[in-house]
């Protein structure tokens, strides 16, 4: 047995991460349609009818667009905060409200025998969270869509073996690019996103606290490049004394395809 995790899609075109522990099959966010979701799972011999829960980080369309149809089609329970559900409800369409489970950041809950913790993140959504999924083989953290790595995030991710970490933009590409100035300010703010440089700082903290695998996720299509994110974060880790692929594996999550899985044993 092992703990298996993989990014099914990552970026503003749609986000979804699959995590299989020893007792539960979980989806964090679902920003792709029902057909693509099923096809993505099939790549790993997984059945959407066997998914135990959808965990929703926040209500933005690239994280929630496929939730309603997949809930209707496969009867999968949804776990989300009350504020996020109220904001996302119109996007979900007609659903079975008995499938909705409300969670509170900071209060652990279980799906089957897997313990899960939602922790607050800093983003321009109504009640955004990241997730820590516990496993006997090592915990998995998911934190995208946050403008800062605050104490909640530090405590939420400390000790995780695998982390799906936002590395949204390169500073030079953002500030020298074509985005309107107010949008640049929003992205760079505490309620926006993490830059590659900031992701490198977070990666060093996680390295000190036991991380073994990092998936750089939610890259901007306009303000970043996969090789740039990988280079920036890898250099930060190397400066901290880490040997890439020996002390820690670093990968970039794919935008339009399933990524290479992480397996914790």
C-alpha atoms as a PDB file:
ATOM      1  CA  UNK A   1       0.000   0.000   0.000  1.00  0.00           C
ATOM      2  CA  UNK A   2       1.096   3.625  -0.441  1.00  0.00           C
ATOM      3  CA  UNK A   3      -0.129   7.205  -0.631  1.00  0.00           C
ATOM      4  CA  UNK A   4      -0.620   8.284  -4.234  1.00  0.00           C
ATOM      5  CA  UNK A   5      -1.157  11.849  -5.438  1.00  0.00           C
ATOM      6  CA  UNK A   6      -1.246  13.508  -8.839  1.00  0.00           C
ATOM      7  CA  UNK A   7      -2.220  16.819 -10.384  1.00  0.00           C
ATOM      8  CA  UNK A   8      -4.900  16.133 -12.998  1.00  0.00           C
ATOM      9  CA  UNK A   9      -4.825  19.751 -14.246  1.00  0.00           C
ATOM     10  CA  UNK A  10      -3.193  22.926 -12.969  1.00  0.00           C
ATOM     11  CA  UNK A  11      -3.560  26.609 -13.844  1.00  0.00           C
ATOM     12  CA  UNK A  12      -6.218  29.175 -14.649  1.00  0.00           C
ATOM     13  CA  UNK A  13      -7.641  26.816 -17.305  1.00  0.00           C
ATOM     14  CA  UNK A  14      -8.640  24.410 -14.530  1.00  0.00           C
ATOM     15  CA  UNK A  15      -7.317  22.826 -11.351  1.00  0.00           C
ATOM     16  CA  UNK A  16      -7.783  19.373  -9.841  1.00  0.00           C
ATOM     17  CA  UNK A  17      -5.622  17.106  -7.684  1.00  0.00           C
ATOM     18  CA  UNK A  18      -6.274  13.431  -6.917  1.00  0.00           C
ATOM     19  CA  UNK A  19      -5.018  11.942  -3.635  1.00  0.00           C
ATOM     20  CA  UNK A  20      -5.417   8.295  -2.624  1.00  0.00           C
ATOM     21  CA  UNK A  21      -4.590   7.372   0.944  1.00  0.00           C
ATOM     22  CA  UNK A  22      -4.838   3.921   2.529  1.00  0.00           C
ATOM     23  CA  UNK A  23      -8.545   4.513   3.210  1.00  0.00           C
ATOM     24  CA  UNK A  24      -9.923   7.230   0.914  1.00  0.00           C
ATOM     25  CA  UNK A  25      -9.911   8.592  -2.622  1.00  0.00           C
ATOM     26  CA  UNK A  26     -10.075  12.379  -2.661  1.00  0.00           C
ATOM     27  CA  UNK A  27     -10.282  15.190  -5.200  1.00  0.00           C
ATOM     28  CA  UNK A  28      -9.083  18.671  -4.280  1.00  0.00           C
ATOM     29  CA  UNK A  29     -10.912  21.134  -6.550  1.00  0.00           C
ATOM     30  CA  UNK A  30     -12.543  20.235  -9.839  1.00  0.00           C
ATOM     31  CA  UNK A  31     -12.037  22.762 -12.588  1.00  0.00           C
ATOM     32  CA  UNK A  32     -12.513  20.447 -15.568  1.00  0.00           C
ATOM     33  CA  UNK A  33     -15.616  18.947 -17.127  1.00  0.00           C
ATOM     34  CA  UNK A  34     -17.020  15.559 -16.259  1.00  0.00           C
ATOM     35  CA  UNK A  35     -15.695  13.764 -19.356  1.00  0.00           C
ATOM     36  CA  UNK A  36     -12.143  15.042 -18.940  1.00  0.00           C
ATOM     37  CA  UNK A  37     -12.273  14.270 -15.234  1.00  0.00           C
ATOM     38  CA  UNK A  38     -13.216  10.648 -15.889  1.00  0.00           C
ATOM     39  CA  UNK A  39     -10.587  10.323 -18.621  1.00  0.00           C
ATOM     40  CA  UNK A  40      -7.919  11.759 -16.331  1.00  0.00           C
ATOM     41  CA  UNK A  41      -8.701   9.241 -13.609  1.00  0.00           C
ATOM     42  CA  UNK A  42      -8.701   6.401 -16.133  1.00  0.00           C
ATOM     43  CA  UNK A  43      -5.030   7.138 -16.826  1.00  0.00           C
ATOM     44  CA  UNK A  44      -4.341   5.836 -13.315  1.00  0.00           C
ATOM     45  CA  UNK A  45      -6.922   3.033 -13.370  1.00  0.00           C
ATOM     46  CA  UNK A  46      -9.227   4.975 -11.078  1.00  0.00           C
ATOM     47  CA  UNK A  47     -13.020   5.068 -11.302  1.00  0.00           C
ATOM     48  CA  UNK A  48     -14.866   8.367 -10.646  1.00  0.00           C
ATOM     49  CA  UNK A  49     -17.628   6.334  -8.976  1.00  0.00           C
ATOM     50  CA  UNK A  50     -15.112   5.308  -6.307  1.00  0.00           C
ATOM     51  CA  UNK A  51     -14.172   8.871  -5.299  1.00  0.00           C
ATOM     52  CA  UNK A  52     -15.072   9.480  -1.654  1.00  0.00           C
ATOM     53  CA  UNK A  53     -15.026  13.287  -1.539  1.00  0.00           C
ATOM     54  CA  UNK A  54     -14.447  16.537  -3.387  1.00  0.00           C
ATOM     55  CA  UNK A  55     -12.597  19.098  -1.263  1.00  0.00           C
ATOM     56  CA  UNK A  56     -13.103  22.680  -2.444  1.00  0.00           C
ATOM     57  CA  UNK A  57     -10.491  25.348  -1.715  1.00  0.00           C
ATOM     58  CA  UNK A  58     -12.531  28.334  -2.937  1.00  0.00           C
ATOM     59  CA  UNK A  59     -15.231  29.396  -5.350  1.00  0.00           C
ATOM     60  CA  UNK A  60     -13.274  30.667  -8.379  1.00  0.00           C
ATOM     61  CA  UNK A  61     -14.383  29.123 -11.648  1.00  0.00           C
ATOM     62  CA  UNK A  62     -11.066  27.379 -12.408  1.00  0.00           C
ATOM     63  CA  UNK A  63     -11.516  25.368  -9.211  1.00  0.00           C
ATOM     64  CA  UNK A  64     -15.270  24.759  -9.177  1.00  0.00           C
ATOM     65  CA  UNK A  65     -16.509  24.542 -12.781  1.00  0.00           C
ATOM     66  CA  UNK A  66     -16.854  20.749 -12.846  1.00  0.00           C
ATOM     67  CA  UNK A  67     -18.058  20.185  -9.288  1.00  0.00           C
ATOM     68  CA  UNK A  68     -21.806  20.298  -9.926  1.00  0.00           C
ATOM     69  CA  UNK A  69     -21.904  17.947 -12.908  1.00  0.00           C
ATOM     70  CA  UNK A  70     -19.572  15.432 -11.238  1.00  0.00           C
ATOM     71  CA  UNK A  71     -21.641  15.486  -8.041  1.00  0.00           C
ATOM     72  CA  UNK A  72     -24.779  14.774 -10.066  1.00  0.00           C
ATOM     73  CA  UNK A  73     -23.175  12.110 -12.211  1.00  0.00           C
ATOM     74  CA  UNK A  74     -21.232  10.198  -9.561  1.00  0.00           C
ATOM     75  CA  UNK A  75     -22.951  11.147  -6.250  1.00  0.00           C
ATOM     76  CA  UNK A  76     -19.683  12.363  -4.709  1.00  0.00           C
ATOM     77  CA  UNK A  77     -19.922  14.307  -1.419  1.00  0.00           C
ATOM     78  CA  UNK A  78     -18.603  17.871  -1.346  1.00  0.00           C
ATOM     79  CA  UNK A  79     -16.631  19.289   1.597  1.00  0.00           C
ATOM     80  CA  UNK A  80     -16.419  23.075   1.776  1.00  0.00           C
ATOM     81  CA  UNK A  81     -16.866  26.005   4.124  1.00  0.00           C
ATOM     82  CA  UNK A  82     -20.282  27.620   4.453  1.00  0.00           C
ATOM     83  CA  UNK A  83     -19.142  30.916   2.956  1.00  0.00           C
ATOM     84  CA  UNK A  84     -17.523  29.219  -0.021  1.00  0.00           C
ATOM     85  CA  UNK A  85     -20.581  27.056  -0.618  1.00  0.00           C
ATOM     86  CA  UNK A  86     -22.897  30.065  -0.518  1.00  0.00           C
ATOM     87  CA  UNK A  87     -20.703  31.844  -3.045  1.00  0.00           C
ATOM     88  CA  UNK A  88     -20.284  28.800  -5.308  1.00  0.00           C
ATOM     89  CA  UNK A  89     -23.862  27.514  -5.124  1.00  0.00           C
ATOM     90  CA  UNK A  90     -25.046  29.311  -8.258  1.00  0.00           C
ATOM     91  CA  UNK A  91     -22.205  27.723 -10.241  1.00  0.00           C
ATOM     92  CA  UNK A  92     -23.047  24.203  -9.102  1.00  0.00           C
ATOM     93  CA  UNK A  93     -26.542  23.951 -10.530  1.00  0.00           C
ATOM     94  CA  UNK A  94     -29.046  21.522  -9.074  1.00  0.00           C
ATOM     95  CA  UNK A  95     -27.318  19.219  -6.590  1.00  0.00           C
ATOM     96  CA  UNK A  96     -28.298  16.874  -3.780  1.00  0.00           C
ATOM     97  CA  UNK A  97     -27.810  18.989  -0.654  1.00  0.00           C
ATOM     98  CA  UNK A  98     -27.424  15.836   1.416  1.00  0.00           C
ATOM     99  CA  UNK A  99     -24.039  15.436  -0.286  1.00  0.00           C
ATOM    100  CA  UNK A 100     -22.787  18.790   1.039  1.00  0.00           C
ATOM    101  CA  UNK A 101     -20.650  18.683   4.197  1.00  0.00           C
ATOM    102  CA  UNK A 102     -19.661  21.988   5.792  1.00  0.00           C
ATOM    103  CA  UNK A 103     -16.195  22.289   7.280  1.00  0.00           C
ATOM    104  CA  UNK A 104     -14.468  24.846   9.491  1.00  0.00           C
ATOM    105  CA  UNK A 105     -10.821  25.856   8.900  1.00  0.00           C
ATOM    106  CA  UNK A 106      -8.673  24.647  11.769  1.00  0.00           C
ATOM    107  CA  UNK A 107     -11.067  21.847  12.743  1.00  0.00           C
ATOM    108  CA  UNK A 108      -9.935  18.435  11.405  1.00  0.00           C
ATOM    109  CA  UNK A 109     -12.536  16.158   9.816  1.00  0.00           C
ATOM    110  CA  UNK A 110     -12.441  12.651   8.406  1.00  0.00           C
ATOM    111  CA  UNK A 111     -13.425  11.007   5.153  1.00  0.00           C
ATOM    112  CA  UNK A 112     -13.574   7.287   5.777  1.00  0.00           C
ATOM    113  CA  UNK A 113     -10.559   6.926   8.084  1.00  0.00           C
ATOM    114  CA  UNK A 114      -8.473   9.693   6.516  1.00  0.00           C
ATOM    115  CA  UNK A 115      -8.044  12.828   8.613  1.00  0.00           C
ATOM    116  CA  UNK A 116      -8.107  16.132   6.740  1.00  0.00           C
ATOM    117  CA  UNK A 117      -7.329  19.651   7.891  1.00  0.00           C
ATOM    118  CA  UNK A 118      -8.422  22.798   6.088  1.00  0.00           C
ATOM    119  CA  UNK A 119      -6.347  25.882   6.875  1.00  0.00           C
ATOM    120  CA  UNK A 120      -6.939  29.511   5.812  1.00  0.00           C
ATOM    121  CA  UNK A 121      -5.066  30.973   2.853  1.00  0.00           C
ATOM    122  CA  UNK A 122      -4.786  34.583   1.711  1.00  0.00           C
ATOM    123  CA  UNK A 123      -6.615  35.139  -1.579  1.00  0.00           C
ATOM    124  CA  UNK A 124      -9.340  37.372  -2.981  1.00  0.00           C
ATOM    125  CA  UNK A 125     -12.048  34.774  -2.430  1.00  0.00           C
ATOM    126  CA  UNK A 126     -14.679  34.677   0.300  1.00  0.00           C
ATOM    127  CA  UNK A 127     -13.125  31.976   2.529  1.00  0.00           C
ATOM    128  CA  UNK A 128     -10.159  30.310   0.785  1.00  0.00           C
ATOM    129  CA  UNK A 129      -8.389  27.321   2.306  1.00  0.00           C
ATOM    130  CA  UNK A 130      -5.604  24.870   1.678  1.00  0.00           C
ATOM    131  CA  UNK A 131      -5.761  21.211   2.681  1.00  0.00           C
ATOM    132  CA  UNK A 132      -3.564  18.773   4.551  1.00  0.00           C
ATOM    133  CA  UNK A 133      -4.442  15.123   3.967  1.00  0.00           C
ATOM    134  CA  UNK A 134      -3.042  12.668   6.493  1.00  0.00           C
ATOM    135  CA  UNK A 135      -1.584   9.296   5.584  1.00  0.00           C
ATOM    136  CA  UNK A 136       0.472   6.744   7.456  1.00  0.00           C
ATOM    137  CA  UNK A 137       3.012   7.037   4.651  1.00  0.00           C
ATOM    138  CA  UNK A 138       3.287  10.812   4.949  1.00  0.00           C
ATOM    139  CA  UNK A 139       0.904  13.750   4.700  1.00  0.00           C
ATOM    140  CA  UNK A 140       0.042  15.569   1.471  1.00  0.00           C
ATOM    141  CA  UNK A 141      -0.536  19.332   1.376  1.00  0.00           C
ATOM    142  CA  UNK A 142      -2.274  21.410  -1.288  1.00  0.00           C
ATOM    143  CA  UNK A 143      -1.795  25.182  -1.223  1.00  0.00           C
ATOM    144  CA  UNK A 144      -2.464  27.282  -4.291  1.00  0.00           C
ATOM    145  CA  UNK A 145      -4.172  30.660  -4.708  1.00  0.00           C
ATOM    146  CA  UNK A 146      -2.550  32.483  -1.835  1.00  0.00           C
ATOM    147  CA  UNK A 147      -0.664  35.759  -1.740  1.00  0.00           C
ATOM    148  CA  UNK A 148       1.376  35.023   1.345  1.00  0.00           C
ATOM    149  CA  UNK A 149       2.766  32.156   3.372  1.00  0.00           C
ATOM    150  CA  UNK A 150       1.425  33.103   6.776  1.00  0.00           C
ATOM    151  CA  UNK A 151       1.350  31.305  10.113  1.00  0.00           C
ATOM    152  CA  UNK A 152      -1.795  29.354   9.213  1.00  0.00           C
ATOM    153  CA  UNK A 153      -0.114  27.993   6.095  1.00  0.00           C
ATOM    154  CA  UNK A 154       3.130  27.265   7.955  1.00  0.00           C
ATOM    155  CA  UNK A 155       1.321  25.203  10.553  1.00  0.00           C
ATOM    156  CA  UNK A 156      -0.918  23.588   7.950  1.00  0.00           C
ATOM    157  CA  UNK A 157       1.954  22.346   5.787  1.00  0.00           C
ATOM    158  CA  UNK A 158       4.677  21.766   8.368  1.00  0.00           C
ATOM    159  CA  UNK A 159       5.870  18.164   8.197  1.00  0.00           C
ATOM    160  CA  UNK A 160       4.050  17.239   4.960  1.00  0.00           C
ATOM    161  CA  UNK A 161       6.002  14.796   2.796  1.00  0.00           C
ATOM    162  CA  UNK A 162       4.464  15.985  -0.504  1.00  0.00           C
ATOM    163  CA  UNK A 163       3.157  19.481  -1.223  1.00  0.00           C
ATOM    164  CA  UNK A 164       1.343  20.959  -4.229  1.00  0.00           C
ATOM    165  CA  UNK A 165       2.648  24.514  -3.976  1.00  0.00           C
ATOM    166  CA  UNK A 166       1.673  27.611  -5.893  1.00  0.00           C
ATOM    167  CA  UNK A 167       4.417  29.119  -8.054  1.00  0.00           C
ATOM    168  CA  UNK A 168       2.226  31.436 -10.089  1.00  0.00           C
ATOM    169  CA  UNK A 169       4.376  34.136 -11.670  1.00  0.00           C
ATOM    170  CA  UNK A 170       7.847  35.415 -12.415  1.00  0.00           C
ATOM    171  CA  UNK A 171       8.329  38.957 -11.113  1.00  0.00           C
ATOM    172  CA  UNK A 172      10.012  40.292 -14.250  1.00  0.00           C
ATOM    173  CA  UNK A 173       7.457  38.728 -16.582  1.00  0.00           C
ATOM    174  CA  UNK A 174       4.567  40.131 -14.541  1.00  0.00           C
ATOM    175  CA  UNK A 175       5.816  43.699 -14.182  1.00  0.00           C
ATOM    176  CA  UNK A 176       7.152  43.945 -17.745  1.00  0.00           C
ATOM    177  CA  UNK A 177       4.120  42.249 -19.273  1.00  0.00           C
ATOM    178  CA  UNK A 178       0.907  43.515 -20.832  1.00  0.00           C
ATOM    179  CA  UNK A 179      -1.458  43.133 -17.887  1.00  0.00           C
ATOM    180  CA  UNK A 180      -3.152  46.356 -16.715  1.00  0.00           C
ATOM    181  CA  UNK A 181      -1.375  47.876 -13.727  1.00  0.00           C
ATOM    182  CA  UNK A 182      -4.264  47.254 -11.248  1.00  0.00           C
ATOM    183  CA  UNK A 183      -4.250  43.545 -12.183  1.00  0.00           C
ATOM    184  CA  UNK A 184      -0.490  43.345 -11.669  1.00  0.00           C
ATOM    185  CA  UNK A 185      -0.925  44.891  -8.225  1.00  0.00           C
ATOM    186  CA  UNK A 186      -3.708  42.426  -7.390  1.00  0.00           C
ATOM    187  CA  UNK A 187      -1.613  39.393  -8.426  1.00  0.00           C
ATOM    188  CA  UNK A 188       1.397  40.631  -6.433  1.00  0.00           C
ATOM    189  CA  UNK A 189      -0.650  41.476  -3.335  1.00  0.00           C
ATOM    190  CA  UNK A 190      -1.177  39.516  -0.136  1.00  0.00           C
ATOM    191  CA  UNK A 191      -4.543  38.391  -1.489  1.00  0.00           C
ATOM    192  CA  UNK A 192      -3.149  37.410  -4.888  1.00  0.00           C
ATOM    193  CA  UNK A 193      -0.625  34.706  -5.725  1.00  0.00           C
ATOM    194  CA  UNK A 194       2.863  33.501  -4.842  1.00  0.00           C
ATOM    195  CA  UNK A 195       5.730  34.318  -7.195  1.00  0.00           C
ATOM    196  CA  UNK A 196       8.450  31.850  -8.132  1.00  0.00           C
ATOM    197  CA  UNK A 197      10.788  33.629  -5.712  1.00  0.00           C
ATOM    198  CA  UNK A 198       8.257  33.370  -2.889  1.00  0.00           C
ATOM    199  CA  UNK A 199       7.616  29.718  -3.743  1.00  0.00           C
ATOM    200  CA  UNK A 200      11.352  29.162  -3.374  1.00  0.00           C
ATOM    201  CA  UNK A 201      11.259  30.658   0.117  1.00  0.00           C
ATOM    202  CA  UNK A 202       8.305  28.457   1.055  1.00  0.00           C
ATOM    203  CA  UNK A 203      10.087  25.429  -0.400  1.00  0.00           C
ATOM    204  CA  UNK A 204      13.083  26.073   1.859  1.00  0.00           C
ATOM    205  CA  UNK A 205      10.826  26.214   4.913  1.00  0.00           C
ATOM    206  CA  UNK A 206       9.161  22.954   3.874  1.00  0.00           C
ATOM    207  CA  UNK A 207      12.568  21.373   3.272  1.00  0.00           C
ATOM    208  CA  UNK A 208      13.549  22.168   6.861  1.00  0.00           C
ATOM    209  CA  UNK A 209      10.352  20.471   7.989  1.00  0.00           C
ATOM    210  CA  UNK A 210      10.556  17.189   6.137  1.00  0.00           C
ATOM    211  CA  UNK A 211       9.157  17.690   2.636  1.00  0.00           C
ATOM    212  CA  UNK A 212      10.326  15.110   0.086  1.00  0.00           C
ATOM    213  CA  UNK A 213       8.312  16.056  -3.002  1.00  0.00           C
ATOM    214  CA  UNK A 214       7.167  19.425  -4.365  1.00  0.00           C
ATOM    215  CA  UNK A 215       4.781  20.005  -7.281  1.00  0.00           C
ATOM    216  CA  UNK A 216       4.979  23.621  -8.465  1.00  0.00           C
ATOM    217  CA  UNK A 217       1.401  24.404  -9.394  1.00  0.00           C
ATOM    218  CA  UNK A 218      -1.030  27.030 -10.699  1.00  0.00           C
ATOM    219  CA  UNK A 219       1.541  28.585 -13.045  1.00  0.00           C
ATOM    220  CA  UNK A 220       0.366  31.621 -14.979  1.00  0.00           C
ATOM    221  CA  UNK A 221       0.279  31.095 -18.732  1.00  0.00           C
ATOM    222  CA  UNK A 222       1.100  34.758 -19.372  1.00  0.00           C
ATOM    223  CA  UNK A 223       3.515  35.555 -16.539  1.00  0.00           C
ATOM    224  CA  UNK A 224       5.539  32.400 -16.042  1.00  0.00           C
ATOM    225  CA  UNK A 225       7.324  29.520 -17.751  1.00  0.00           C
ATOM    226  CA  UNK A 226       7.616  25.978 -16.355  1.00  0.00           C
ATOM    227  CA  UNK A 227      11.395  25.992 -16.752  1.00  0.00           C
ATOM    228  CA  UNK A 228      11.636  29.359 -14.993  1.00  0.00           C
ATOM    229  CA  UNK A 229       9.578  28.217 -12.004  1.00  0.00           C
ATOM    230  CA  UNK A 230      11.589  24.997 -11.751  1.00  0.00           C
ATOM    231  CA  UNK A 231      14.910  26.845 -11.997  1.00  0.00           C
ATOM    232  CA  UNK A 232      14.006  29.507  -9.425  1.00  0.00           C
ATOM    233  CA  UNK A 233      12.712  27.086  -6.795  1.00  0.00           C
ATOM    234  CA  UNK A 234      15.462  24.529  -7.398  1.00  0.00           C
ATOM    235  CA  UNK A 235      18.154  27.194  -7.005  1.00  0.00           C
ATOM    236  CA  UNK A 236      16.623  28.326  -3.704  1.00  0.00           C
ATOM    237  CA  UNK A 237      16.626  24.746  -2.430  1.00  0.00           C
ATOM    238  CA  UNK A 238      20.191  24.164  -3.561  1.00  0.00           C
ATOM    239  CA  UNK A 239      21.334  27.346  -1.821  1.00  0.00           C
ATOM    240  CA  UNK A 240      19.712  25.928   1.317  1.00  0.00           C
ATOM    241  CA  UNK A 241      21.871  22.820   0.942  1.00  0.00           C
ATOM    242  CA  UNK A 242      19.435  20.429  -0.717  1.00  0.00           C
ATOM    243  CA  UNK A 243      20.344  17.991  -3.462  1.00  0.00           C
ATOM    244  CA  UNK A 244      17.551  17.968  -6.036  1.00  0.00           C
ATOM    245  CA  UNK A 245      16.083  14.495  -6.683  1.00  0.00           C
ATOM    246  CA  UNK A 246      18.042  13.147  -3.725  1.00  0.00           C
ATOM    247  CA  UNK A 247      16.808  15.213  -0.770  1.00  0.00           C
ATOM    248  CA  UNK A 248      13.689  16.523  -2.513  1.00  0.00           C
ATOM    249  CA  UNK A 249      11.933  15.922  -5.821  1.00  0.00           C
ATOM    250  CA  UNK A 250      10.688  19.050  -7.618  1.00  0.00           C
ATOM    251  CA  UNK A 251       8.262  18.908 -10.526  1.00  0.00           C
ATOM    252  CA  UNK A 252       5.988  21.330 -12.380  1.00  0.00           C
ATOM    253  CA  UNK A 253       2.282  20.481 -12.612  1.00  0.00           C
ATOM    254  CA  UNK A 254       0.961  20.317 -16.171  1.00  0.00           C
ATOM    255  CA  UNK A 255      -1.693  22.738 -17.396  1.00  0.00           C
ATOM    256  CA  UNK A 256      -3.556  20.569 -19.903  1.00  0.00           C
ATOM    257  CA  UNK A 257      -2.432  17.044 -18.977  1.00  0.00           C
ATOM    258  CA  UNK A 258      -2.020  14.800 -15.978  1.00  0.00           C
ATOM    259  CA  UNK A 259       1.314  15.203 -14.264  1.00  0.00           C
ATOM    260  CA  UNK A 260       3.775  12.590 -13.013  1.00  0.00           C
ATOM    261  CA  UNK A 261       2.401  11.179  -9.724  1.00  0.00           C
ATOM    262  CA  UNK A 262       4.080  11.263  -6.344  1.00  0.00           C
ATOM    263  CA  UNK A 263       4.043   7.980  -4.424  1.00  0.00           C
ATOM    264  CA  UNK A 264       4.819   7.932  -0.714  1.00  0.00           C
ATOM    265  CA  UNK A 265       5.701   4.494   0.671  1.00  0.00           C
END
